[in-house]
Amino acid sequence: MEWFQQEIRLSPKSRGFHIITEEIEKQLPELRKINIGLAHIFIMHTSASLTLNENASPDVRLDMESHFNKMVPENMPYYLHTFEGPDDMPAHIKASLLGNSLSLPIRNGSFLLGTWQGIYLCEHRDRASARRIVVTLTGSTS
């Protein structure tokens, strides 16, 4: 059983839902060495999140953004944490709702995802910088 951990810097993204599966895989050559195992992916931020969803239709990502913006609107009069801008408190709430980590199975050197699944970076801020994630891999290499 092997263990490996790497911090990955994702390219800056605009507000919205972005498929980052390939971006992660390109920076993680150790993934190809694992025959069967588990990947834990953790985002090191409180105003962005990770989720797993459809990788085919871009409309899904647009609908997700629209829905979360309606479900968690900006400029609510009861928000106390407002000094970082009107998008900040809603970003924290959205990140808590969606979550900060994913656990994915690994088979034959790849994430074992469904046909239409992709890893999403959910960017909840209007002007975010590059995001950092930590990927921890464990599994059999023989």
N, C-alpha and C. Protein backbone atom coordinates (compact mmCIF):
# COMPACT_ATOMS: atom_id res chain seq x y z
N MET A 1 0.85 -1.17 0.00
CA MET A 1 0.00 0.00 0.00
C MET A 1 0.89 1.24 0.00
N GLU A 2 0.66 2.10 -0.95
CA GLU A 2 1.43 3.33 -1.09
C GLU A 2 0.57 4.53 -0.69
N TRP A 3 1.24 5.58 -0.19
CA TRP A 3 0.59 6.85 0.12
C TRP A 3 1.33 7.96 -0.60
N PHE A 4 0.58 8.93 -1.09
CA PHE A 4 1.18 10.08 -1.75
C PHE A 4 0.28 11.28 -1.50
N GLN A 5 0.89 12.45 -1.29
CA GLN A 5 0.11 13.67 -1.09
C GLN A 5 0.78 14.82 -1.85
N GLN A 6 -0.04 15.62 -2.51
CA GLN A 6 0.48 16.75 -3.27
C GLN A 6 -0.49 17.93 -3.21
N GLU A 7 0.08 19.12 -3.04
CA GLU A 7 -0.71 20.35 -3.15
C GLU A 7 -0.67 20.79 -4.60
N ILE A 8 -1.83 21.11 -5.13
CA ILE A 8 -1.97 21.52 -6.53
C ILE A 8 -2.56 22.91 -6.58
N ARG A 9 -1.98 23.75 -7.41
CA ARG A 9 -2.50 25.10 -7.63
C ARG A 9 -3.31 25.07 -8.92
N LEU A 10 -4.58 25.42 -8.80
CA LEU A 10 -5.46 25.47 -9.97
C LEU A 10 -5.37 26.85 -10.60
N SER A 11 -5.52 26.91 -11.90
CA SER A 11 -5.51 28.21 -12.57
C SER A 11 -6.71 29.03 -12.09
N PRO A 12 -6.56 30.37 -12.04
CA PRO A 12 -7.68 31.20 -11.60
C PRO A 12 -8.90 31.01 -12.50
N LYS A 13 -10.06 30.99 -11.89
CA LYS A 13 -11.30 30.79 -12.63
C LYS A 13 -12.27 31.93 -12.31
N SER A 14 -13.14 32.21 -13.24
CA SER A 14 -14.20 33.18 -13.01
C SER A 14 -15.26 32.56 -12.10
N ARG A 15 -16.14 33.38 -11.61
CA ARG A 15 -17.23 32.86 -10.77
C ARG A 15 -18.04 31.85 -11.57
N GLY A 16 -18.36 30.72 -10.94
CA GLY A 16 -19.15 29.69 -11.61
C GLY A 16 -18.64 28.30 -11.29
N PHE A 17 -19.12 27.34 -12.04
CA PHE A 17 -18.80 25.93 -11.85
C PHE A 17 -17.92 25.47 -13.01
N HIS A 18 -16.75 24.93 -12.69
CA HIS A 18 -15.74 24.61 -13.70
C HIS A 18 -15.28 23.16 -13.55
N ILE A 19 -15.21 22.44 -14.66
CA ILE A 19 -14.69 21.07 -14.63
C ILE A 19 -13.17 21.14 -14.55
N ILE A 20 -12.61 20.48 -13.54
CA ILE A 20 -11.16 20.54 -13.30
C ILE A 20 -10.52 19.15 -13.28
N THR A 21 -11.24 18.13 -13.72
CA THR A 21 -10.73 16.76 -13.68
C THR A 21 -9.38 16.66 -14.37
N GLU A 22 -9.29 17.11 -15.61
CA GLU A 22 -8.03 17.00 -16.38
C GLU A 22 -6.93 17.86 -15.77
N GLU A 23 -7.28 19.03 -15.28
CA GLU A 23 -6.28 19.91 -14.66
C GLU A 23 -5.63 19.23 -13.46
N ILE A 24 -6.44 18.51 -12.69
CA ILE A 24 -5.88 17.76 -11.56
C ILE A 24 -5.02 16.60 -12.05
N GLU A 25 -5.54 15.82 -12.98
CA GLU A 25 -4.81 14.63 -13.47
C GLU A 25 -3.46 15.01 -14.08
N LYS A 26 -3.39 16.12 -14.79
CA LYS A 26 -2.13 16.55 -15.41
C LYS A 26 -1.05 16.87 -14.39
N GLN A 27 -1.45 17.33 -13.21
CA GLN A 27 -0.49 17.70 -12.17
C GLN A 27 -0.25 16.57 -11.17
N LEU A 28 -0.76 15.38 -11.47
CA LEU A 28 -0.71 14.27 -10.53
C LEU A 28 -0.23 12.99 -11.21
N PRO A 29 1.04 12.96 -11.65
CA PRO A 29 1.52 11.76 -12.36
C PRO A 29 1.49 10.50 -11.50
N GLU A 30 1.51 10.64 -10.18
CA GLU A 30 1.49 9.48 -9.29
C GLU A 30 0.17 8.70 -9.39
N LEU A 31 -0.87 9.37 -9.82
CA LEU A 31 -2.17 8.71 -9.99
C LEU A 31 -2.05 7.51 -10.92
N ARG A 32 -1.26 7.65 -11.99
CA ARG A 32 -1.12 6.59 -12.99
C ARG A 32 -0.47 5.32 -12.42
N LYS A 33 0.20 5.44 -11.28
CA LYS A 33 0.88 4.30 -10.68
C LYS A 33 -0.04 3.41 -9.85
N ILE A 34 -1.23 3.92 -9.51
CA ILE A 34 -2.11 3.19 -8.59
C ILE A 34 -3.09 2.32 -9.37
N ASN A 35 -3.07 1.03 -9.06
CA ASN A 35 -3.99 0.08 -9.72
C ASN A 35 -5.38 0.12 -9.09
N ILE A 36 -5.42 0.11 -7.78
CA ILE A 36 -6.69 0.20 -7.06
C ILE A 36 -6.45 1.01 -5.80
N GLY A 37 -7.31 1.99 -5.55
CA GLY A 37 -7.08 2.83 -4.38
C GLY A 37 -8.15 3.88 -4.21
N LEU A 38 -7.77 4.91 -3.49
CA LEU A 38 -8.69 5.98 -3.13
C LEU A 38 -7.97 7.32 -3.20
N ALA A 39 -8.66 8.32 -3.73
CA ALA A 39 -8.14 9.69 -3.77
C ALA A 39 -9.03 10.56 -2.89
N HIS A 40 -8.39 11.38 -2.08
CA HIS A 40 -9.10 12.38 -1.29
C HIS A 40 -8.64 13.74 -1.82
N ILE A 41 -9.60 14.57 -2.22
CA ILE A 41 -9.30 15.89 -2.79
C ILE A 41 -9.92 16.94 -1.88
N PHE A 42 -9.10 17.85 -1.37
CA PHE A 42 -9.52 18.83 -0.38
C PHE A 42 -9.16 20.23 -0.87
N ILE A 43 -10.12 21.15 -0.85
CA ILE A 43 -9.84 22.54 -1.24
C ILE A 43 -9.50 23.35 0.00
N MET A 44 -8.46 24.16 -0.07
CA MET A 44 -7.92 24.89 1.08
C MET A 44 -8.48 26.31 1.17
N HIS A 45 -9.78 26.44 0.95
CA HIS A 45 -10.41 27.75 0.93
C HIS A 45 -11.81 27.67 1.53
N THR A 46 -12.33 28.81 1.98
CA THR A 46 -13.66 28.84 2.58
C THR A 46 -14.71 29.51 1.69
N SER A 47 -14.31 29.97 0.52
CA SER A 47 -15.28 30.62 -0.37
C SER A 47 -15.33 29.96 -1.75
N ALA A 48 -14.85 28.73 -1.82
CA ALA A 48 -14.96 27.90 -3.02
C ALA A 48 -15.18 26.48 -2.53
N SER A 49 -15.69 25.64 -3.41
CA SER A 49 -15.99 24.28 -3.00
C SER A 49 -15.73 23.30 -4.13
N LEU A 50 -15.91 22.03 -3.81
CA LEU A 50 -15.74 20.95 -4.78
C LEU A 50 -17.02 20.12 -4.83
N THR A 51 -17.36 19.64 -5.99
CA THR A 51 -18.46 18.69 -6.12
C THR A 51 -18.22 17.85 -7.37
N LEU A 52 -18.99 16.80 -7.49
CA LEU A 52 -18.92 15.89 -8.63
C LEU A 52 -20.26 15.98 -9.35
N ASN A 53 -20.22 16.24 -10.67
CA ASN A 53 -21.47 16.34 -11.40
C ASN A 53 -21.21 16.13 -12.89
N GLU A 54 -22.21 16.42 -13.70
CA GLU A 54 -22.16 16.11 -15.13
C GLU A 54 -21.04 16.86 -15.85
N ASN A 55 -20.33 16.14 -16.72
CA ASN A 55 -19.21 16.73 -17.45
C ASN A 55 -19.53 16.98 -18.93
N ALA A 56 -20.76 16.70 -19.36
CA ALA A 56 -21.07 16.80 -20.79
C ALA A 56 -21.69 18.15 -21.17
N SER A 57 -22.83 18.46 -20.63
CA SER A 57 -23.54 19.68 -21.01
C SER A 57 -23.10 20.87 -20.17
N PRO A 58 -22.60 21.94 -20.82
CA PRO A 58 -22.24 23.14 -20.07
C PRO A 58 -23.46 23.81 -19.43
N ASP A 59 -24.66 23.50 -19.91
CA ASP A 59 -25.87 24.06 -19.32
C ASP A 59 -26.02 23.64 -17.86
N VAL A 60 -25.55 22.46 -17.51
CA VAL A 60 -25.64 22.00 -16.12
C VAL A 60 -24.87 22.96 -15.22
N ARG A 61 -23.66 23.34 -15.63
CA ARG A 61 -22.85 24.25 -14.82
C ARG A 61 -23.50 25.63 -14.70
N LEU A 62 -24.09 26.11 -15.79
CA LEU A 62 -24.79 27.40 -15.76
C LEU A 62 -26.02 27.33 -14.87
N ASP A 63 -26.76 26.22 -14.95
CA ASP A 63 -27.95 26.06 -14.10
C ASP A 63 -27.56 25.95 -12.63
N MET A 64 -26.45 25.27 -12.34
CA MET A 64 -25.99 25.18 -10.95
C MET A 64 -25.69 26.58 -10.41
N GLU A 65 -24.97 27.38 -11.18
CA GLU A 65 -24.64 28.74 -10.75
C GLU A 65 -25.92 29.55 -10.53
N SER A 66 -26.85 29.47 -11.46
CA SER A 66 -28.11 30.22 -11.33
C SER A 66 -28.89 29.78 -10.09
N HIS A 67 -28.96 28.48 -9.88
CA HIS A 67 -29.71 27.98 -8.73
C HIS A 67 -29.09 28.43 -7.41
N PHE A 68 -27.78 28.27 -7.27
CA PHE A 68 -27.13 28.66 -6.02
C PHE A 68 -27.20 30.16 -5.78
N ASN A 69 -27.16 30.97 -6.84
CA ASN A 69 -27.29 32.41 -6.66
C ASN A 69 -28.69 32.79 -6.19
N LYS A 70 -29.69 32.06 -6.63
CA LYS A 70 -31.06 32.31 -6.18
C LYS A 70 -31.27 31.77 -4.76
N MET A 71 -30.69 30.61 -4.47
CA MET A 71 -30.85 29.98 -3.16
C MET A 71 -30.10 30.75 -2.07
N VAL A 72 -28.93 31.32 -2.43
CA VAL A 72 -28.10 32.05 -1.47
C VAL A 72 -27.77 33.42 -2.09
N PRO A 73 -28.69 34.37 -2.00
CA PRO A 73 -28.50 35.66 -2.66
C PRO A 73 -27.50 36.57 -1.93
N GLU A 74 -27.02 37.55 -2.65
CA GLU A 74 -26.15 38.57 -2.07
C GLU A 74 -27.01 39.66 -1.42
N ASN A 75 -26.32 40.50 -0.62
CA ASN A 75 -26.92 41.71 -0.04
C ASN A 75 -28.13 41.46 0.85
N MET A 76 -28.12 40.35 1.56
CA MET A 76 -29.22 40.11 2.49
C MET A 76 -29.01 40.98 3.73
N PRO A 77 -30.06 41.61 4.21
CA PRO A 77 -29.90 42.55 5.33
C PRO A 77 -29.43 41.90 6.63
N TYR A 78 -29.56 40.61 6.77
CA TYR A 78 -29.15 39.93 8.00
C TYR A 78 -27.70 39.46 7.97
N TYR A 79 -26.98 39.63 6.85
CA TYR A 79 -25.56 39.27 6.81
C TYR A 79 -24.77 40.28 7.64
N LEU A 80 -23.96 39.81 8.55
CA LEU A 80 -23.09 40.66 9.35
C LEU A 80 -21.69 40.75 8.74
N HIS A 81 -21.25 39.66 8.14
CA HIS A 81 -19.91 39.58 7.54
C HIS A 81 -19.99 40.14 6.12
N THR A 82 -19.76 41.46 6.00
CA THR A 82 -19.93 42.12 4.70
C THR A 82 -18.71 42.92 4.25
N PHE A 83 -17.68 43.00 5.08
CA PHE A 83 -16.57 43.91 4.76
C PHE A 83 -15.70 43.43 3.59
N GLU A 84 -15.85 42.18 3.15
CA GLU A 84 -15.07 41.69 2.00
C GLU A 84 -15.87 41.74 0.70
N GLY A 85 -17.04 42.34 0.73
CA GLY A 85 -17.84 42.50 -0.48
C GLY A 85 -19.13 41.71 -0.40
N PRO A 86 -20.09 42.06 -1.25
CA PRO A 86 -21.41 41.43 -1.20
C PRO A 86 -21.41 39.95 -1.60
N ASP A 87 -20.36 39.50 -2.30
CA ASP A 87 -20.31 38.10 -2.72
C ASP A 87 -19.63 37.20 -1.68
N ASP A 88 -19.03 37.78 -0.64
CA ASP A 88 -18.22 36.98 0.28
C ASP A 88 -19.05 36.08 1.20
N MET A 89 -20.02 36.63 1.93
CA MET A 89 -20.80 35.79 2.84
C MET A 89 -21.58 34.72 2.08
N PRO A 90 -22.23 35.06 0.96
CA PRO A 90 -22.88 34.01 0.18
C PRO A 90 -21.88 32.93 -0.27
N ALA A 91 -20.65 33.33 -0.57
CA ALA A 91 -19.63 32.35 -0.98
C ALA A 91 -19.33 31.37 0.14
N HIS A 92 -19.26 31.86 1.37
CA HIS A 92 -19.02 30.96 2.51
C HIS A 92 -20.18 29.99 2.70
N ILE A 93 -21.40 30.48 2.55
CA ILE A 93 -22.57 29.61 2.70
C ILE A 93 -22.60 28.55 1.60
N LYS A 94 -22.37 28.97 0.36
CA LYS A 94 -22.37 28.02 -0.76
C LYS A 94 -21.29 26.96 -0.58
N ALA A 95 -20.11 27.39 -0.12
CA ALA A 95 -19.02 26.44 0.10
C ALA A 95 -19.39 25.43 1.18
N SER A 96 -20.08 25.88 2.22
CA SER A 96 -20.51 24.96 3.27
C SER A 96 -21.56 23.99 2.75
N LEU A 97 -22.46 24.45 1.92
CA LEU A 97 -23.50 23.58 1.38
C LEU A 97 -22.93 22.51 0.44
N LEU A 98 -21.98 22.89 -0.38
CA LEU A 98 -21.42 21.95 -1.35
C LEU A 98 -20.29 21.10 -0.79
N GLY A 99 -19.50 21.66 0.09
CA GLY A 99 -18.44 20.88 0.72
C GLY A 99 -17.05 21.21 0.22
N ASN A 100 -16.06 20.80 1.04
CA ASN A 100 -14.66 21.12 0.74
C ASN A 100 -13.83 19.93 0.31
N SER A 101 -14.45 18.75 0.16
CA SER A 101 -13.63 17.60 -0.24
C SER A 101 -14.45 16.56 -0.98
N LEU A 102 -13.73 15.72 -1.71
CA LEU A 102 -14.30 14.58 -2.42
C LEU A 102 -13.43 13.36 -2.15
N SER A 103 -14.05 12.21 -2.06
CA SER A 103 -13.33 10.94 -2.02
C SER A 103 -13.71 10.17 -3.27
N LEU A 104 -12.71 9.80 -4.07
CA LEU A 104 -12.96 9.14 -5.34
C LEU A 104 -12.19 7.82 -5.42
N PRO A 105 -12.81 6.78 -5.95
CA PRO A 105 -12.07 5.54 -6.17
C PRO A 105 -11.08 5.69 -7.33
N ILE A 106 -10.02 4.92 -7.26
CA ILE A 106 -9.01 4.87 -8.33
C ILE A 106 -8.97 3.44 -8.86
N ARG A 107 -8.94 3.31 -10.18
CA ARG A 107 -8.75 2.01 -10.81
C ARG A 107 -7.86 2.17 -12.04
N ASN A 108 -6.84 1.35 -12.11
CA ASN A 108 -5.92 1.33 -13.27
C ASN A 108 -5.37 2.71 -13.61
N GLY A 109 -4.97 3.46 -12.57
CA GLY A 109 -4.28 4.72 -12.78
C GLY A 109 -5.15 5.92 -13.11
N SER A 110 -6.46 5.79 -12.92
CA SER A 110 -7.37 6.91 -13.21
C SER A 110 -8.44 7.00 -12.13
N PHE A 111 -9.02 8.20 -12.00
CA PHE A 111 -10.20 8.32 -11.15
C PHE A 111 -11.29 7.46 -11.76
N LEU A 112 -11.98 6.69 -10.95
CA LEU A 112 -13.05 5.82 -11.43
C LEU A 112 -14.36 6.60 -11.33
N LEU A 113 -14.67 7.32 -12.40
CA LEU A 113 -15.86 8.17 -12.45
C LEU A 113 -16.88 7.57 -13.41
N GLY A 114 -18.14 7.94 -13.21
CA GLY A 114 -19.17 7.53 -14.15
C GLY A 114 -18.95 8.21 -15.50
N THR A 115 -19.61 7.69 -16.50
CA THR A 115 -19.44 8.18 -17.87
C THR A 115 -19.61 9.70 -17.97
N TRP A 116 -20.56 10.25 -17.25
CA TRP A 116 -20.88 11.67 -17.38
C TRP A 116 -20.43 12.48 -16.17
N GLN A 117 -19.50 11.96 -15.36
CA GLN A 117 -19.08 12.68 -14.16
C GLN A 117 -17.77 13.41 -14.35
N GLY A 118 -17.68 14.58 -13.74
CA GLY A 118 -16.46 15.36 -13.71
C GLY A 118 -16.32 16.06 -12.37
N ILE A 119 -15.09 16.36 -12.00
CA ILE A 119 -14.82 17.09 -10.77
C ILE A 119 -15.01 18.58 -11.04
N TYR A 120 -15.82 19.23 -10.22
CA TYR A 120 -16.08 20.66 -10.38
C TYR A 120 -15.34 21.45 -9.30
N LEU A 121 -14.72 22.55 -9.73
CA LEU A 121 -14.37 23.64 -8.81
C LEU A 121 -15.56 24.58 -8.86
N CYS A 122 -16.13 24.84 -7.70
CA CYS A 122 -17.25 25.77 -7.59
C CYS A 122 -16.69 27.08 -7.05
N GLU A 123 -16.50 28.02 -7.94
CA GLU A 123 -15.91 29.31 -7.57
C GLU A 123 -17.05 30.27 -7.24
N HIS A 124 -17.12 30.68 -5.98
CA HIS A 124 -18.23 31.49 -5.51
C HIS A 124 -17.92 32.97 -5.39
N ARG A 125 -16.69 33.37 -5.64
CA ARG A 125 -16.31 34.79 -5.56
C ARG A 125 -16.25 35.41 -6.95
N ASP A 126 -16.52 36.71 -6.99
CA ASP A 126 -16.46 37.43 -8.27
C ASP A 126 -15.02 37.56 -8.79
N ARG A 127 -14.08 37.78 -7.88
CA ARG A 127 -12.69 37.98 -8.28
C ARG A 127 -11.80 37.11 -7.41
N ALA A 128 -11.69 35.87 -7.76
CA ALA A 128 -10.89 34.93 -6.97
C ALA A 128 -9.50 34.77 -7.57
N SER A 129 -8.57 34.44 -6.72
CA SER A 129 -7.23 34.13 -7.20
C SER A 129 -7.14 32.62 -7.46
N ALA A 130 -5.97 32.16 -7.80
CA ALA A 130 -5.77 30.73 -8.00
C ALA A 130 -6.11 29.99 -6.71
N ARG A 131 -6.78 28.88 -6.84
CA ARG A 131 -7.18 28.08 -5.68
C ARG A 131 -6.20 26.92 -5.50
N ARG A 132 -6.04 26.49 -4.26
CA ARG A 132 -5.14 25.38 -3.94
C ARG A 132 -5.96 24.20 -3.42
N ILE A 133 -5.59 23.02 -3.89
CA ILE A 133 -6.19 21.80 -3.38
C ILE A 133 -5.08 20.86 -2.93
N VAL A 134 -5.40 19.98 -2.01
CA VAL A 134 -4.49 18.92 -1.58
C VAL A 134 -5.11 17.61 -2.01
N VAL A 135 -4.34 16.81 -2.72
CA VAL A 135 -4.80 15.49 -3.15
C VAL A 135 -3.97 14.44 -2.41
N THR A 136 -4.65 13.54 -1.72
CA THR A 136 -4.01 12.44 -1.04
C THR A 136 -4.43 11.15 -1.72
N LEU A 137 -3.45 10.38 -2.15
CA LEU A 137 -3.70 9.11 -2.84
C LEU A 137 -3.22 7.97 -1.97
N THR A 138 -3.97 6.90 -1.95
CA THR A 138 -3.52 5.67 -1.30
C THR A 138 -4.01 4.50 -2.14
N GLY A 139 -3.17 3.47 -2.20
CA GLY A 139 -3.61 2.30 -2.96
C GLY A 139 -2.47 1.35 -3.29
N SER A 140 -2.85 0.35 -4.01
CA SER A 140 -1.94 -0.70 -4.44
C SER A 140 -1.30 -0.32 -5.78
N THR A 141 0.01 -0.49 -5.86
CA THR A 141 0.73 -0.16 -7.10
C THR A 141 1.17 -1.41 -7.85
N SER A 142 0.81 -2.59 -7.36
CA SER A 142 1.23 -3.81 -8.07
C SER A 142 0.05 -4.69 -8.39
